[in-house]
Amino acid sequence: MDKYGVFVPRLVTKKEYFSPGHRACIGCGEALAVRLACKALGNNVIVANATGCMEIVSSQIPYTSWGVPWIHTLFENTAAVASGIEAALKVMIRKGRRESMLSEWSKIITAHPSGKK
């Protein structure tokens, strides 16, 4: 492991995109999974959240635990909403109103090719 020279905790951001203060049960595995998935995905993501437990505990009016854009959808049409979001982002990229993810990732990789800062 010494030959890789990567200390994994340094790779994980300290920024929280799913904030504490939600109303999930103590030790809720789903809330932990959402928190870690949000950390892995970063802030350049849009969450399509189907009606369910996480919807109820994370978005009590007028507060929200989401630190990224999210949309509440019905259970049966979440895939259709996600594909609509994707289509809209593709149009925005084509019109030059938004940069593509690949170009953003390439900037990060070329800035820090070894993962060290």
Protein backbone atom coordinates (compact mmCIF):
# COMPACT_ATOMS: atom_id res chain seq x y z
CA MET A 1 0.00 0.00 0.00
CA ASP A 2 2.95 2.33 0.55
CA LYS A 3 3.71 2.47 -3.16
CA TYR A 4 0.43 4.25 -3.94
CA GLY A 5 0.99 7.23 -1.66
CA VAL A 6 -2.71 8.05 -1.27
CA PHE A 7 -4.21 8.74 2.13
CA VAL A 8 -7.90 8.02 1.54
CA PRO A 9 -9.38 10.40 4.16
CA ARG A 10 -7.75 13.28 2.29
CA LEU A 11 -9.65 12.34 -0.86
CA VAL A 12 -13.05 12.76 0.81
CA THR A 13 -14.33 16.32 0.99
CA LYS A 14 -15.19 17.82 4.34
CA LYS A 15 -18.07 19.74 2.73
CA GLU A 16 -21.47 18.29 3.58
CA TYR A 17 -24.07 18.21 0.80
CA PHE A 18 -26.63 16.39 2.94
CA SER A 19 -26.67 18.40 6.14
CA PRO A 20 -27.24 17.19 9.66
CA GLY A 21 -30.44 18.34 11.30
CA HIS A 22 -32.74 16.16 9.22
CA ARG A 23 -35.37 14.17 11.05
CA ALA A 24 -34.14 10.66 10.26
CA CYS A 25 -33.95 8.12 13.05
CA ILE A 26 -30.70 7.87 14.98
CA GLY A 27 -28.36 5.53 13.13
CA CYS A 28 -30.53 5.51 10.00
CA GLY A 29 -28.62 3.62 7.31
CA GLU A 30 -30.46 5.36 4.50
CA ALA A 31 -29.49 8.83 5.75
CA LEU A 32 -25.86 7.73 6.07
CA ALA A 33 -25.94 6.26 2.54
CA VAL A 34 -27.39 9.50 1.12
CA ARG A 35 -24.79 11.57 2.99
CA LEU A 36 -21.89 9.49 1.68
CA ALA A 37 -23.31 9.38 -1.86
CA CYS A 38 -23.62 13.18 -1.81
CA LYS A 39 -20.00 13.47 -0.65
CA ALA A 40 -18.88 11.16 -3.46
CA LEU A 41 -20.89 12.98 -6.13
CA GLY A 42 -19.93 16.50 -5.02
CA ASN A 43 -21.88 19.67 -5.66
CA ASN A 44 -22.27 19.32 -9.43
CA VAL A 45 -25.29 17.04 -9.23
CA ILE A 46 -29.07 17.27 -9.29
CA VAL A 47 -30.95 14.79 -7.11
CA ALA A 48 -34.29 13.39 -8.29
CA ASN A 49 -35.81 12.22 -5.03
CA ALA A 50 -38.78 9.85 -5.13
CA THR A 51 -41.42 10.03 -2.44
CA GLY A 52 -40.26 7.98 0.49
CA CYS A 53 -38.59 8.15 3.87
CA MET A 54 -35.71 10.41 2.80
CA GLU A 55 -38.14 12.84 1.20
CA ILE A 56 -40.10 13.16 4.42
CA VAL A 57 -37.16 13.48 6.84
CA SER A 58 -34.98 15.76 4.69
CA SER A 59 -37.36 18.45 3.48
CA GLN A 60 -39.54 19.69 6.27
CA ILE A 61 -40.98 23.06 5.24
CA PRO A 62 -39.37 25.69 5.30
CA TYR A 63 -36.03 23.86 5.85
CA THR A 64 -34.10 21.31 3.83
CA SER A 65 -31.07 19.13 4.48
CA TRP A 66 -30.05 19.13 0.82
CA GLY A 67 -27.02 21.22 -0.09
CA VAL A 68 -27.41 20.41 -3.79
CA PRO A 69 -30.30 21.06 -6.17
CA TRP A 70 -32.99 18.42 -5.74
CA ILE A 71 -36.47 17.78 -7.01
CA HIS A 72 -39.24 15.82 -5.32
CA THR A 73 -40.99 13.43 -7.67
CA LEU A 74 -43.66 10.80 -7.42
CA PHE A 75 -42.41 7.27 -6.94
CA GLU A 76 -43.51 6.02 -10.36
CA ASN A 77 -42.04 8.82 -12.50
CA THR A 78 -38.59 9.45 -10.99
CA ALA A 79 -36.78 7.94 -14.00
CA ALA A 80 -38.76 10.17 -16.39
CA VAL A 81 -37.92 13.26 -14.35
CA ALA A 82 -34.22 12.30 -14.24
CA SER A 83 -34.14 11.82 -18.02
CA GLY A 84 -35.83 15.22 -18.43
CA ILE A 85 -33.14 16.80 -16.26
CA GLU A 86 -30.47 15.11 -18.37
CA ALA A 87 -32.07 16.34 -21.61
CA ALA A 88 -32.27 19.90 -20.24
CA LEU A 89 -28.61 19.84 -19.20
CA LYS A 90 -27.58 18.58 -22.65
CA VAL A 91 -29.45 21.47 -24.26
CA MET A 92 -27.81 23.97 -21.89
CA ILE A 93 -24.36 22.54 -22.72
CA ARG A 94 -25.09 22.68 -26.45
CA LYS A 95 -26.19 26.33 -26.17
CA GLY A 96 -23.07 27.18 -24.14
CA ARG A 97 -24.99 28.11 -21.00
CA ARG A 98 -23.31 25.37 -18.97
CA GLU A 99 -19.96 23.56 -19.11
CA SER A 100 -19.96 19.81 -19.55
CA MET A 101 -18.95 17.56 -16.67
CA LEU A 102 -16.11 16.03 -18.69
CA SER A 103 -14.42 19.38 -19.20
CA GLU A 104 -14.79 20.18 -15.49
CA TRP A 105 -13.31 16.81 -14.50
CA SER A 106 -10.43 17.24 -16.92
CA LYS A 107 -9.58 20.58 -15.28
CA ILE A 108 -9.47 18.90 -11.88
CA ILE A 109 -7.38 15.97 -13.11
CA THR A 110 -4.86 18.16 -14.94
CA ALA A 111 -4.60 20.50 -11.95
CA HIS A 112 -3.80 17.64 -9.57
CA PRO A 113 -2.68 14.60 -11.58
CA SER A 114 -1.30 12.76 -8.55
CA GLY A 115 -4.19 13.62 -6.28
CA LYS A 116 -1.85 15.72 -4.09
CA LYS A 117 -2.44 19.38 -3.39
